[in-house]
């Protein structure tokens, strides 16, 4: 390599800032949407969350608690965190809801599965 060799350059799309929630213990699955990003969190307690993040820097976020004990996560509206789909949230508000969801007690189906495993002989 010499001083005359071209320098590697990155495509501008690779430098697009992504929404992050550093206070959480879990990293989300990231899915690209036509006008932003969908973050899907799966927490070890059997719950999760879906967060839509529009590409605009000043945009508000959408949030929904998920039941992740099913093969395909489904919206879950019977938790103390949220009983509905929430929209128009700030980043800080969304991070707070994610932290509450991450700290929910173990989902009843996950607790039943754990109890059944305790009685299995391997």
PDB file of N, CA and C in Angstrom:
ATOM      1  N   UNK A   1       0.849  -1.181   0.000  1.00  0.00           N
ATOM      2  CA  UNK A   1       0.000   0.000   0.000  1.00  0.00           C
ATOM      3  C   UNK A   1       0.887   1.235   0.000  1.00  0.00           C
ATOM      4  N   UNK A   2       0.536   2.183  -0.851  1.00  0.00           N
ATOM      5  CA  UNK A   2       1.303   3.425  -0.936  1.00  0.00           C
ATOM      6  C   UNK A   2       0.394   4.604  -0.665  1.00  0.00           C
ATOM      7  N   UNK A   3       0.934   5.746  -0.605  1.00  0.00           N
ATOM      8  CA  UNK A   3       0.141   6.957  -0.402  1.00  0.00           C
ATOM      9  C   UNK A   3      -0.781   7.241  -1.578  1.00  0.00           C
ATOM     10  N   UNK A   4      -0.520   6.616  -2.712  1.00  0.00           N
ATOM     11  CA  UNK A   4      -1.323   6.860  -3.896  1.00  0.00           C
ATOM     12  C   UNK A   4      -2.503   5.904  -4.032  1.00  0.00           C
ATOM     13  N   UNK A   5      -2.569   4.882  -3.171  1.00  0.00           N
ATOM     14  CA  UNK A   5      -3.701   3.947  -3.204  1.00  0.00           C
ATOM     15  C   UNK A   5      -4.956   4.647  -2.705  1.00  0.00           C
ATOM     16  N   UNK A   6      -6.103   4.313  -3.309  1.00  0.00           N
ATOM     17  CA  UNK A   6      -7.340   4.950  -2.865  1.00  0.00           C
ATOM     18  C   UNK A   6      -7.694   4.534  -1.430  1.00  0.00           C
ATOM     19  N   UNK A   7      -8.291   5.454  -0.726  1.00  0.00           N
ATOM     20  CA  UNK A   7      -8.744   5.196   0.642  1.00  0.00           C
ATOM     21  C   UNK A   7     -10.131   4.576   0.572  1.00  0.00           C
ATOM     22  N   UNK A   8     -10.373   3.580   1.421  1.00  0.00           N
ATOM     23  CA  UNK A   8     -11.703   2.977   1.472  1.00  0.00           C
ATOM     24  C   UNK A   8     -12.725   4.015   1.885  1.00  0.00           C
ATOM     25  N   UNK A   9     -13.851   3.990   1.216  1.00  0.00           N
ATOM     26  CA  UNK A   9     -14.927   4.902   1.627  1.00  0.00           C
ATOM     27  C   UNK A   9     -16.180   4.071   1.876  1.00  0.00           C
ATOM     28  N   UNK A  10     -16.991   4.524   2.802  1.00  0.00           N
ATOM     29  CA  UNK A  10     -18.224   3.841   3.148  1.00  0.00           C
ATOM     30  C   UNK A  10     -19.404   4.507   2.469  1.00  0.00           C
ATOM     31  N   UNK A  11     -20.362   3.697   2.110  1.00  0.00           N
ATOM     32  CA  UNK A  11     -21.593   4.210   1.525  1.00  0.00           C
ATOM     33  C   UNK A  11     -22.321   5.041   2.584  1.00  0.00           C
ATOM     34  N   UNK A  12     -22.914   6.148   2.192  1.00  0.00           N
ATOM     35  CA  UNK A  12     -23.583   7.050   3.133  1.00  0.00           C
ATOM     36  C   UNK A  12     -24.671   6.348   3.939  1.00  0.00           C
ATOM     37  N   UNK A  13     -25.357   5.361   3.344  1.00  0.00           N
ATOM     38  CA  UNK A  13     -26.428   4.653   4.055  1.00  0.00           C
ATOM     39  C   UNK A  13     -25.885   3.886   5.257  1.00  0.00           C
ATOM     40  N   UNK A  14     -24.619   3.489   5.197  1.00  0.00           N
ATOM     41  CA  UNK A  14     -24.025   2.772   6.325  1.00  0.00           C
ATOM     42  C   UNK A  14     -23.743   3.692   7.504  1.00  0.00           C
ATOM     43  N   UNK A  15     -23.713   4.979   7.255  1.00  0.00           N
ATOM     44  CA  UNK A  15     -23.430   5.949   8.308  1.00  0.00           C
ATOM     45  C   UNK A  15     -24.684   6.553   8.907  1.00  0.00           C
ATOM     46  N   UNK A  16     -25.847   6.078   8.508  1.00  0.00           N
ATOM     47  CA  UNK A  16     -27.097   6.585   9.040  1.00  0.00           C
ATOM     48  C   UNK A  16     -27.196   6.264  10.522  1.00  0.00           C
ATOM     49  N   UNK A  17     -27.471   7.281  11.349  1.00  0.00           N
ATOM     50  CA  UNK A  17     -27.568   6.984  12.780  1.00  0.00           C
ATOM     51  C   UNK A  17     -28.757   6.078  13.083  1.00  0.00           C
ATOM     52  N   UNK A  18     -28.574   5.176  14.025  1.00  0.00           N
ATOM     53  CA  UNK A  18     -29.655   4.286  14.425  1.00  0.00           C
ATOM     54  C   UNK A  18     -30.057   4.618  15.849  1.00  0.00           C
ATOM     55  N   UNK A  19     -31.296   4.329  16.166  1.00  0.00           N
ATOM     56  CA  UNK A  19     -31.799   4.579  17.503  1.00  0.00           C
ATOM     57  C   UNK A  19     -31.220   3.534  18.445  1.00  0.00           C
ATOM     58  N   UNK A  20     -30.734   3.987  19.588  1.00  0.00           N
ATOM     59  CA  UNK A  20     -30.193   3.040  20.555  1.00  0.00           C
ATOM     60  C   UNK A  20     -30.779   3.346  21.936  1.00  0.00           C
ATOM     61  N   UNK A  21     -30.796   2.316  22.757  1.00  0.00           N
ATOM     62  CA  UNK A  21     -31.300   2.412  24.119  1.00  0.00           C
ATOM     63  C   UNK A  21     -30.250   1.801  25.040  1.00  0.00           C
ATOM     64  N   UNK A  22     -29.228   2.576  25.413  1.00  0.00           N
ATOM     65  CA  UNK A  22     -28.098   2.023  26.160  1.00  0.00           C
ATOM     66  C   UNK A  22     -28.434   1.535  27.574  1.00  0.00           C
ATOM     67  N   UNK A  23     -29.556   1.946  28.146  1.00  0.00           N
ATOM     68  CA  UNK A  23     -29.900   1.525  29.508  1.00  0.00           C
ATOM     69  C   UNK A  23     -30.447   0.094  29.565  1.00  0.00           C
ATOM     70  N   UNK A  24     -30.676  -0.524  28.410  1.00  0.00           N
ATOM     71  CA  UNK A  24     -31.248  -1.872  28.367  1.00  0.00           C
ATOM     72  C   UNK A  24     -30.156  -2.932  28.351  1.00  0.00           C
ATOM     73  N   UNK A  25     -30.497  -4.109  28.856  1.00  0.00           N
ATOM     74  CA  UNK A  25     -29.559  -5.228  28.863  1.00  0.00           C
ATOM     75  C   UNK A  25     -29.576  -6.009  27.552  1.00  0.00           C
ATOM     76  N   UNK A  26     -30.628  -5.848  26.755  1.00  0.00           N
ATOM     77  CA  UNK A  26     -30.805  -6.627  25.524  1.00  0.00           C
ATOM     78  C   UNK A  26     -30.727  -5.732  24.294  1.00  0.00           C
ATOM     79  N   UNK A  27     -30.114  -6.250  23.247  1.00  0.00           N
ATOM     80  CA  UNK A  27     -30.067  -5.558  21.961  1.00  0.00           C
ATOM     81  C   UNK A  27     -31.263  -5.985  21.119  1.00  0.00           C
ATOM     82  N   UNK A  28     -31.824  -5.088  20.333  1.00  0.00           N
ATOM     83  CA  UNK A  28     -32.983  -5.445  19.514  1.00  0.00           C
ATOM     84  C   UNK A  28     -32.596  -6.071  18.180  1.00  0.00           C
ATOM     85  N   UNK A  29     -33.577  -6.759  17.588  1.00  0.00           N
ATOM     86  CA  UNK A  29     -33.474  -7.130  16.174  1.00  0.00           C
ATOM     87  C   UNK A  29     -33.870  -5.872  15.414  1.00  0.00           C
ATOM     88  N   UNK A  30     -33.128  -5.531  14.385  1.00  0.00           N
ATOM     89  CA  UNK A  30     -33.418  -4.311  13.617  1.00  0.00           C
ATOM     90  C   UNK A  30     -33.973  -4.695  12.254  1.00  0.00           C
ATOM     91  N   UNK A  31     -35.098  -4.077  11.907  1.00  0.00           N
ATOM     92  CA  UNK A  31     -35.739  -4.313  10.614  1.00  0.00           C
ATOM     93  C   UNK A  31     -35.949  -2.962   9.936  1.00  0.00           C
ATOM     94  N   UNK A  32     -35.555  -2.885   8.683  1.00  0.00           N
ATOM     95  CA  UNK A  32     -35.698  -1.639   7.936  1.00  0.00           C
ATOM     96  C   UNK A  32     -37.127  -1.483   7.436  1.00  0.00           C
ATOM     97  N   UNK A  33     -37.674  -0.293   7.639  1.00  0.00           N
ATOM     98  CA  UNK A  33     -38.992   0.077   7.125  1.00  0.00           C
ATOM     99  C   UNK A  33     -38.797   1.121   6.037  1.00  0.00           C
ATOM    100  N   UNK A  34     -39.797   1.333   5.175  1.00  0.00           N
ATOM    101  CA  UNK A  34     -39.635   2.340   4.125  1.00  0.00           C
ATOM    102  C   UNK A  34     -39.301   3.741   4.666  1.00  0.00           C
ATOM    103  N   UNK A  35     -39.821   4.079   5.841  1.00  0.00           N
ATOM    104  CA  UNK A  35     -39.577   5.428   6.366  1.00  0.00           C
ATOM    105  C   UNK A  35     -38.919   5.411   7.749  1.00  0.00           C
ATOM    106  N   UNK A  36     -38.171   4.333   8.052  1.00  0.00           N
ATOM    107  CA  UNK A  36     -37.523   4.274   9.352  1.00  0.00           C
ATOM    108  C   UNK A  36     -37.046   2.886   9.702  1.00  0.00           C
ATOM    109  N   UNK A  37     -37.263   2.525  10.957  1.00  0.00           N
ATOM    110  CA  UNK A  37     -36.742   1.263  11.462  1.00  0.00           C
ATOM    111  C   UNK A  37     -37.711   0.675  12.490  1.00  0.00           C
ATOM    112  N   UNK A  38     -37.794  -0.654  12.518  1.00  0.00           N
ATOM    113  CA  UNK A  38     -38.560  -1.371  13.529  1.00  0.00           C
ATOM    114  C   UNK A  38     -37.566  -2.114  14.402  1.00  0.00           C
ATOM    115  N   UNK A  39     -37.638  -1.864  15.707  1.00  0.00           N
ATOM    116  CA  UNK A  39     -36.789  -2.567  16.664  1.00  0.00           C
ATOM    117  C   UNK A  39     -37.655  -3.571  17.401  1.00  0.00           C
ATOM    118  N   UNK A  40     -37.226  -4.822  17.437  1.00  0.00           N
ATOM    119  CA  UNK A  40     -37.958  -5.866  18.156  1.00  0.00           C
ATOM    120  C   UNK A  40     -37.057  -6.378  19.277  1.00  0.00           C
ATOM    121  N   UNK A  41     -37.494  -6.135  20.504  1.00  0.00           N
ATOM    122  CA  UNK A  41     -36.766  -6.578  21.689  1.00  0.00           C
ATOM    123  C   UNK A  41     -37.383  -7.873  22.182  1.00  0.00           C
ATOM    124  N   UNK A  42     -36.544  -8.816  22.623  1.00  0.00           N
ATOM    125  CA  UNK A  42     -36.994 -10.063  23.256  1.00  0.00           C
ATOM    126  C   UNK A  42     -36.253 -10.170  24.580  1.00  0.00           C
ATOM    127  N   UNK A  43     -37.015 -10.111  25.666  1.00  0.00           N
ATOM    128  CA  UNK A  43     -36.413 -10.145  26.989  1.00  0.00           C
ATOM    129  C   UNK A  43     -36.490 -11.545  27.578  1.00  0.00           C
ATOM    130  N   UNK A  44     -35.606 -11.845  28.503  1.00  0.00           N
ATOM    131  CA  UNK A  44     -35.528 -13.180  29.087  1.00  0.00           C
ATOM    132  C   UNK A  44     -36.740 -13.525  29.956  1.00  0.00           C
ATOM    133  N   UNK A  45     -37.573 -12.562  30.284  1.00  0.00           N
ATOM    134  CA  UNK A  45     -38.768 -12.836  31.091  1.00  0.00           C
ATOM    135  C   UNK A  45     -39.950 -13.329  30.256  1.00  0.00           C
ATOM    136  N   UNK A  46     -39.777 -13.448  28.942  1.00  0.00           N
ATOM    137  CA  UNK A  46     -40.854 -13.916  28.068  1.00  0.00           C
ATOM    138  C   UNK A  46     -41.624 -12.801  27.396  1.00  0.00           C
ATOM    139  N   UNK A  47     -41.330 -11.569  27.776  1.00  0.00           N
ATOM    140  CA  UNK A  47     -41.963 -10.412  27.139  1.00  0.00           C
ATOM    141  C   UNK A  47     -40.972  -9.773  26.182  1.00  0.00           C
ATOM    142  N   UNK A  48     -41.451  -8.850  25.413  1.00  0.00           N
ATOM    143  CA  UNK A  48     -40.611  -8.105  24.500  1.00  0.00           C
ATOM    144  C   UNK A  48     -41.303  -6.812  24.156  1.00  0.00           C
ATOM    145  N   UNK A  49     -40.794  -6.134  23.162  1.00  0.00           N
ATOM    146  CA  UNK A  49     -41.405  -4.879  22.735  1.00  0.00           C
ATOM    147  C   UNK A  49     -41.062  -4.614  21.278  1.00  0.00           C
ATOM    148  N   UNK A  50     -41.989  -3.936  20.617  1.00  0.00           N
ATOM    149  CA  UNK A  50     -41.766  -3.464  19.253  1.00  0.00           C
ATOM    150  C   UNK A  50     -41.751  -1.944  19.303  1.00  0.00           C
ATOM    151  N   UNK A  51     -40.740  -1.350  18.712  1.00  0.00           N
ATOM    152  CA  UNK A  51     -40.607   0.104  18.680  1.00  0.00           C
ATOM    153  C   UNK A  51     -40.374   0.516  17.240  1.00  0.00           C
ATOM    154  N   UNK A  52     -41.211   1.411  16.729  1.00  0.00           N
ATOM    155  CA  UNK A  52     -40.977   1.957  15.394  1.00  0.00           C
ATOM    156  C   UNK A  52     -40.315   3.306  15.545  1.00  0.00           C
ATOM    157  N   UNK A  53     -39.266   3.499  14.759  1.00  0.00           N
ATOM    158  CA  UNK A  53     -38.459   4.713  14.815  1.00  0.00           C
ATOM    159  C   UNK A  53     -38.421   5.345  13.437  1.00  0.00           C
ATOM    160  N   UNK A  54     -39.197   6.399  13.204  1.00  0.00           N
ATOM    161  CA  UNK A  54     -39.131   7.076  11.911  1.00  0.00           C
ATOM    162  C   UNK A  54     -37.731   7.643  11.659  1.00  0.00           C
ATOM    163  N   UNK A  55     -37.377   7.828  10.398  1.00  0.00           N
ATOM    164  CA  UNK A  55     -36.033   8.267  10.026  1.00  0.00           C
ATOM    165  C   UNK A  55     -35.774   9.730  10.382  1.00  0.00           C
ATOM    166  N   UNK A  56     -36.804  10.515  10.587  1.00  0.00           N
ATOM    167  CA  UNK A  56     -36.611  11.929  10.914  1.00  0.00           C
ATOM    168  C   UNK A  56     -36.047  12.068  12.334  1.00  0.00           C
ATOM    169  N   UNK A  57     -35.066  12.943  12.552  1.00  0.00           N
ATOM    170  CA  UNK A  57     -34.450  13.068  13.871  1.00  0.00           C
ATOM    171  C   UNK A  57     -35.420  13.549  14.961  1.00  0.00           C
ATOM    172  N   UNK A  58     -36.398  14.344  14.614  1.00  0.00           N
ATOM    173  CA  UNK A  58     -37.320  14.899  15.609  1.00  0.00           C
ATOM    174  C   UNK A  58     -38.606  14.070  15.738  1.00  0.00           C
ATOM    175  N   UNK A  59     -38.645  12.928  15.091  1.00  0.00           N
ATOM    176  CA  UNK A  59     -39.867  12.117  15.052  1.00  0.00           C
ATOM    177  C   UNK A  59     -40.140  11.458  16.393  1.00  0.00           C
ATOM    178  N   UNK A  60     -41.419  11.205  16.649  1.00  0.00           N
ATOM    179  CA  UNK A  60     -41.856  10.504  17.853  1.00  0.00           C
ATOM    180  C   UNK A  60     -41.894   9.006  17.572  1.00  0.00           C
ATOM    181  N   UNK A  61     -41.763   8.205  18.620  1.00  0.00           N
ATOM    182  CA  UNK A  61     -41.675   6.760  18.485  1.00  0.00           C
ATOM    183  C   UNK A  61     -42.998   6.090  18.849  1.00  0.00           C
ATOM    184  N   UNK A  62     -43.193   4.871  18.338  1.00  0.00           N
ATOM    185  CA  UNK A  62     -44.351   4.046  18.663  1.00  0.00           C
ATOM    186  C   UNK A  62     -43.860   2.837  19.450  1.00  0.00           C
ATOM    187  N   UNK A  63     -44.704   2.341  20.375  1.00  0.00           N
ATOM    188  CA  UNK A  63     -44.294   1.290  21.292  1.00  0.00           C
ATOM    189  C   UNK A  63     -45.429   0.302  21.516  1.00  0.00           C
ATOM    190  N   UNK A  64     -45.076  -0.988  21.609  1.00  0.00           N
ATOM    191  CA  UNK A  64     -46.049  -2.026  21.925  1.00  0.00           C
ATOM    192  C   UNK A  64     -45.336  -3.155  22.673  1.00  0.00           C
ATOM    193  N   UNK A  65     -45.935  -3.622  23.774  1.00  0.00           N
ATOM    194  CA  UNK A  65     -45.398  -4.776  24.500  1.00  0.00           C
ATOM    195  C   UNK A  65     -45.717  -6.033  23.697  1.00  0.00           C
ATOM    196  N   UNK A  66     -44.792  -6.982  23.664  1.00  0.00           N
ATOM    197  CA  UNK A  66     -44.976  -8.232  22.932  1.00  0.00           C
ATOM    198  C   UNK A  66     -44.955  -9.431  23.884  1.00  0.00           C
ATOM    199  N   UNK A  67     -45.721 -10.437  23.526  1.00  0.00           N
ATOM    200  CA  UNK A  67     -45.667 -11.742  24.192  1.00  0.00           C
ATOM    201  C   UNK A  67     -44.702 -12.581  23.359  1.00  0.00           C
ATOM    202  N   UNK A  68     -43.526 -12.850  23.905  1.00  0.00           N
ATOM    203  CA  UNK A  68     -42.495 -13.579  23.168  1.00  0.00           C
ATOM    204  C   UNK A  68     -42.433 -15.051  23.543  1.00  0.00           C
ATOM    205  N   UNK A  69     -43.472 -15.562  24.203  1.00  0.00           N
ATOM    206  CA  UNK A  69     -43.504 -16.992  24.519  1.00  0.00           C
ATOM    207  C   UNK A  69     -44.122 -17.792  23.386  1.00  0.00           C
ATOM    208  N   UNK A  70     -44.663 -17.111  22.405  1.00  0.00           N
ATOM    209  CA  UNK A  70     -45.272 -17.756  21.239  1.00  0.00           C
ATOM    210  C   UNK A  70     -44.229 -17.875  20.133  1.00  0.00           C
ATOM    211  N   UNK A  71     -44.426 -18.781  19.162  1.00  0.00           N
ATOM    212  CA  UNK A  71     -43.443 -18.913  18.078  1.00  0.00           C
ATOM    213  C   UNK A  71     -43.198 -17.591  17.341  1.00  0.00           C
ATOM    214  N   UNK A  72     -44.254 -16.826  17.135  1.00  0.00           N
ATOM    215  CA  UNK A  72     -44.136 -15.497  16.537  1.00  0.00           C
ATOM    216  C   UNK A  72     -44.636 -14.501  17.580  1.00  0.00           C
ATOM    217  N   UNK A  73     -43.792 -13.558  18.024  1.00  0.00           N
ATOM    218  CA  UNK A  73     -44.237 -12.605  19.045  1.00  0.00           C
ATOM    219  C   UNK A  73     -45.525 -11.892  18.631  1.00  0.00           C
ATOM    220  N   UNK A  74     -46.414 -11.719  19.608  1.00  0.00           N
ATOM    221  CA  UNK A  74     -47.713 -11.084  19.374  1.00  0.00           C
ATOM    222  C   UNK A  74     -47.888  -9.907  20.326  1.00  0.00           C
ATOM    223  N   UNK A  75     -48.638  -8.878  19.937  1.00  0.00           N
ATOM    224  CA  UNK A  75     -48.916  -7.778  20.866  1.00  0.00           C
ATOM    225  C   UNK A  75     -49.562  -8.311  22.138  1.00  0.00           C
ATOM    226  N   UNK A  76     -49.204  -7.711  23.247  1.00  0.00           N
ATOM    227  CA  UNK A  76     -49.686  -8.133  24.563  1.00  0.00           C
ATOM    228  C   UNK A  76     -50.221  -6.890  25.279  1.00  0.00           C
ATOM    229  N   UNK A  77     -51.517  -6.902  25.589  1.00  0.00           N
ATOM    230  CA  UNK A  77     -52.144  -5.720  26.172  1.00  0.00           C
ATOM    231  C   UNK A  77     -52.588  -5.923  27.614  1.00  0.00           C
ATOM    232  N   UNK A  78     -52.058  -6.944  28.296  1.00  0.00           N
ATOM    233  CA  UNK A  78     -52.482  -7.191  29.676  1.00  0.00           C
ATOM    234  C   UNK A  78     -51.330  -7.102  30.667  1.00  0.00           C
ATOM    235  N   UNK A  79     -50.407  -6.173  30.447  1.00  0.00           N
ATOM    236  CA  UNK A  79     -49.306  -5.962  31.379  1.00  0.00           C
ATOM    237  C   UNK A  79     -49.488  -4.606  32.062  1.00  0.00           C
ATOM    238  N   UNK A  80     -48.854  -4.412  33.207  1.00  0.00           N
ATOM    239  CA  UNK A  80     -48.929  -3.107  33.852  1.00  0.00           C
ATOM    240  C   UNK A  80     -48.168  -2.014  33.095  1.00  0.00           C
ATOM    241  N   UNK A  81     -47.320  -2.413  32.152  1.00  0.00           N
ATOM    242  CA  UNK A  81     -46.548  -1.420  31.399  1.00  0.00           C
ATOM    243  C   UNK A  81     -47.449  -0.655  30.447  1.00  0.00           C
ATOM    244  N   UNK A  82     -48.259  -1.381  29.692  1.00  0.00           N
ATOM    245  CA  UNK A  82     -49.145  -0.726  28.727  1.00  0.00           C
ATOM    246  C   UNK A  82     -50.268  -1.667  28.331  1.00  0.00           C
ATOM    247  N   UNK A  83     -51.465  -1.146  28.302  1.00  0.00           N
ATOM    248  CA  UNK A  83     -52.619  -1.922  27.884  1.00  0.00           C
ATOM    249  C   UNK A  83     -53.030  -1.627  26.461  1.00  0.00           C
ATOM    250  N   UNK A  84     -52.166  -0.927  25.722  1.00  0.00           N
ATOM    251  CA  UNK A  84     -52.501  -0.564  24.347  1.00  0.00           C
ATOM    252  C   UNK A  84     -51.231  -0.239  23.560  1.00  0.00           C
ATOM    253  N   UNK A  85     -51.412  -0.023  22.274  1.00  0.00           N
ATOM    254  CA  UNK A  85     -50.341   0.439  21.407  1.00  0.00           C
ATOM    255  C   UNK A  85     -50.159   1.929  21.692  1.00  0.00           C
ATOM    256  N   UNK A  86     -48.939   2.377  21.943  1.00  0.00           N
ATOM    257  CA  UNK A  86     -48.682   3.777  22.269  1.00  0.00           C
ATOM    258  C   UNK A  86     -47.922   4.444  21.136  1.00  0.00           C
ATOM    259  N   UNK A  87     -48.302   5.661  20.798  1.00  0.00           N
ATOM    260  CA  UNK A  87     -47.591   6.385  19.742  1.00  0.00           C
ATOM    261  C   UNK A  87     -47.309   7.814  20.204  1.00  0.00           C
ATOM    262  N   UNK A  88     -46.407   8.457  19.497  1.00  0.00           N
ATOM    263  CA  UNK A  88     -46.055   9.833  19.818  1.00  0.00           C
ATOM    264  C   UNK A  88     -45.147   9.962  21.025  1.00  0.00           C
ATOM    265  N   UNK A  89     -44.326   8.945  21.300  1.00  0.00           N
ATOM    266  CA  UNK A  89     -43.465   8.947  22.483  1.00  0.00           C
ATOM    267  C   UNK A  89     -42.102   9.565  22.195  1.00  0.00           C
ATOM    268  N   UNK A  90     -41.518  10.147  23.222  1.00  0.00           N
ATOM    269  CA  UNK A  90     -40.147  10.621  23.117  1.00  0.00           C
ATOM    270  C   UNK A  90     -39.192   9.441  23.281  1.00  0.00           C
ATOM    271  N   UNK A  91     -37.937   9.663  22.954  1.00  0.00           N
ATOM    272  CA  UNK A  91     -36.935   8.611  23.126  1.00  0.00           C
ATOM    273  C   UNK A  91     -36.830   8.229  24.598  1.00  0.00           C
ATOM    274  N   UNK A  92     -36.799   9.220  25.490  1.00  0.00           N
ATOM    275  CA  UNK A  92     -36.680   8.948  26.925  1.00  0.00           C
ATOM    276  C   UNK A  92     -37.903   8.191  27.445  1.00  0.00           C
ATOM    277  N   UNK A  93     -39.090   8.568  26.991  1.00  0.00           N
ATOM    278  CA  UNK A  93     -40.303   7.867  27.405  1.00  0.00           C
ATOM    279  C   UNK A  93     -40.314   6.430  26.928  1.00  0.00           C
ATOM    280  N   UNK A  94     -39.866   6.216  25.706  1.00  0.00           N
ATOM    281  CA  UNK A  94     -39.803   4.862  25.151  1.00  0.00           C
ATOM    282  C   UNK A  94     -38.781   4.032  25.912  1.00  0.00           C
ATOM    283  N   UNK A  95     -37.640   4.625  26.221  1.00  0.00           N
ATOM    284  CA  UNK A  95     -36.626   3.889  26.976  1.00  0.00           C
ATOM    285  C   UNK A  95     -37.160   3.490  28.350  1.00  0.00           C
ATOM    286  N   UNK A  96     -37.920   4.360  28.986  1.00  0.00           N
ATOM    287  CA  UNK A  96     -38.514   4.030  30.279  1.00  0.00           C
ATOM    288  C   UNK A  96     -39.475   2.862  30.177  1.00  0.00           C
ATOM    289  N   UNK A  97     -40.310   2.851  29.144  1.00  0.00           N
ATOM    290  CA  UNK A  97     -41.248   1.735  28.938  1.00  0.00           C
ATOM    291  C   UNK A  97     -40.504   0.436  28.651  1.00  0.00           C
ATOM    292  N   UNK A  98     -39.438   0.521  27.873  1.00  0.00           N
ATOM    293  CA  UNK A  98     -38.638  -0.670  27.584  1.00  0.00           C
ATOM    294  C   UNK A  98     -38.008  -1.221  28.863  1.00  0.00           C
ATOM    295  N   UNK A  99     -37.513  -0.340  29.710  1.00  0.00           N
ATOM    296  CA  UNK A  99     -36.913  -0.781  30.965  1.00  0.00           C
ATOM    297  C   UNK A  99     -37.947  -1.446  31.866  1.00  0.00           C
ATOM    298  N   UNK A 100     -39.166  -0.888  31.907  1.00  0.00           N
ATOM    299  CA  UNK A 100     -40.236  -1.504  32.698  1.00  0.00           C
ATOM    300  C   UNK A 100     -40.602  -2.879  32.151  1.00  0.00           C
ATOM    301  N   UNK A 101     -40.663  -2.996  30.819  1.00  0.00           N
ATOM    302  CA  UNK A 101     -41.002  -4.276  30.189  1.00  0.00           C
ATOM    303  C   UNK A 101     -39.917  -5.310  30.468  1.00  0.00           C
ATOM    304  N   UNK A 102     -38.669  -4.887  30.389  1.00  0.00           N
ATOM    305  CA  UNK A 102     -37.544  -5.789  30.633  1.00  0.00           C
ATOM    306  C   UNK A 102     -37.552  -6.308  32.075  1.00  0.00           C
ATOM    307  N   UNK A 103     -38.135  -5.541  32.989  1.00  0.00           N
ATOM    308  CA  UNK A 103     -38.142  -5.907  34.404  1.00  0.00           C
ATOM    309  C   UNK A 103     -39.460  -6.495  34.887  1.00  0.00           C
ATOM    310  N   UNK A 104     -40.389  -6.782  33.967  1.00  0.00           N
ATOM    311  CA  UNK A 104     -41.638  -7.438  34.353  1.00  0.00           C
ATOM    312  C   UNK A 104     -41.334  -8.808  34.958  1.00  0.00           C
ATOM    313  N   UNK A 105     -42.216  -9.305  35.837  1.00  0.00           N
ATOM    314  CA  UNK A 105     -42.034 -10.682  36.318  1.00  0.00           C
ATOM    315  C   UNK A 105     -42.093 -11.660  35.141  1.00  0.00           C
ATOM    316  N   UNK A 106     -41.571 -12.833  35.345  1.00  0.00           N
ATOM    317  CA  UNK A 106     -41.548 -13.850  34.283  1.00  0.00           C
ATOM    318  C   UNK A 106     -42.970 -14.116  33.790  1.00  0.00           C
ATOM    319  N   UNK A 107     -43.112 -14.170  32.474  1.00  0.00           N
ATOM    320  CA  UNK A 107     -44.410 -14.446  31.839  1.00  0.00           C
ATOM    321  C   UNK A 107     -44.955 -15.770  32.375  1.00  0.00           C
ATOM    322  N   UNK A 108     -46.277 -15.866  32.636  1.00  0.00           N
ATOM    323  CA  UNK A 108     -46.833 -17.119  33.185  1.00  0.00           C
ATOM    324  C   UNK A 108     -46.497 -18.364  32.366  1.00  0.00           C
ATOM    325  N   UNK A 109     -46.505 -18.275  31.039  1.00  0.00           N
ATOM    326  CA  UNK A 109     -46.161 -19.450  30.214  1.00  0.00           C
ATOM    327  C   UNK A 109     -44.688 -19.820  30.384  1.00  0.00           C
ATOM    328  N   UNK A 110     -43.829 -18.833  30.490  1.00  0.00           N
ATOM    329  CA  UNK A 110     -42.403 -19.096  30.698  1.00  0.00           C
ATOM    330  C   UNK A 110     -42.193 -19.709  32.077  1.00  0.00           C
ATOM    331  N   UNK A 111     -42.910 -19.212  33.088  1.00  0.00           N
ATOM    332  CA  UNK A 111     -42.796 -19.761  34.444  1.00  0.00           C
ATOM    333  C   UNK A 111     -43.262 -21.216  34.481  1.00  0.00           C
ATOM    334  N   UNK A 112     -44.371 -21.526  33.777  1.00  0.00           N
ATOM    335  CA  UNK A 112     -44.875 -22.906  33.733  1.00  0.00           C
ATOM    336  C   UNK A 112     -43.880 -23.817  33.031  1.00  0.00           C
ATOM    337  N   UNK A 113     -43.274 -23.348  31.964  1.00  0.00           N
ATOM    338  CA  UNK A 113     -42.285 -24.155  31.245  1.00  0.00           C
ATOM    339  C   UNK A 113     -41.053 -24.396  32.112  1.00  0.00           C
ATOM    340  N   UNK A 114     -40.626 -23.363  32.835  1.00  0.00           N
ATOM    341  CA  UNK A 114     -39.478 -23.535  33.732  1.00  0.00           C
ATOM    342  C   UNK A 114     -39.783 -24.545  34.823  1.00  0.00           C
ATOM    343  N   UNK A 115     -41.004 -24.481  35.395  1.00  0.00           N
ATOM    344  CA  UNK A 115     -41.382 -25.415  36.440  1.00  0.00           C
ATOM    345  C   UNK A 115     -41.427 -26.850  35.896  1.00  0.00           C
ATOM    346  N   UNK A 116     -41.928 -27.027  34.670  1.00  0.00           N
ATOM    347  CA  UNK A 116     -41.984 -28.363  34.065  1.00  0.00           C
ATOM    348  C   UNK A 116     -40.577 -28.912  33.851  1.00  0.00           C
ATOM    349  N   UNK A 117     -39.647 -28.052  33.477  1.00  0.00           N
ATOM    350  CA  UNK A 117     -38.271 -28.497  33.259  1.00  0.00           C
ATOM    351  C   UNK A 117     -37.608 -28.961  34.550  1.00  0.00           C
ATOM    352  N   UNK A 118     -38.003 -28.379  35.672  1.00  0.00           N
ATOM    353  CA  UNK A 118     -37.418 -28.780  36.947  1.00  0.00           C
ATOM    354  C   UNK A 118     -37.735 -30.247  37.287  1.00  0.00           C
ATOM    355  N   UNK A 119     -38.841 -30.747  36.770  1.00  0.00           N
ATOM    356  CA  UNK A 119     -39.265 -32.118  37.062  1.00  0.00           C
ATOM    357  C   UNK A 119     -38.794 -33.120  36.010  1.00  0.00           C
ATOM    358  N   UNK A 120     -38.117 -32.661  34.989  1.00  0.00           N
ATOM    359  CA  UNK A 120     -37.605 -33.551  33.946  1.00  0.00           C
ATOM    360  C   UNK A 120     -36.306 -34.196  34.410  1.00  0.00           C
ATOM    361  N   UNK A 121     -36.117 -35.423  33.983  1.00  0.00           N
ATOM    362  CA  UNK A 121     -34.859 -36.098  34.234  1.00  0.00           C
ATOM    363  C   UNK A 121     -34.074 -36.145  32.932  1.00  0.00           C
ATOM    364  N   UNK A 122     -32.847 -35.727  32.997  1.00  0.00           N
ATOM    365  CA  UNK A 122     -32.006 -35.700  31.799  1.00  0.00           C
ATOM    366  C   UNK A 122     -30.929 -36.738  31.881  1.00  0.00           C
TER     367      UNK A 122
END
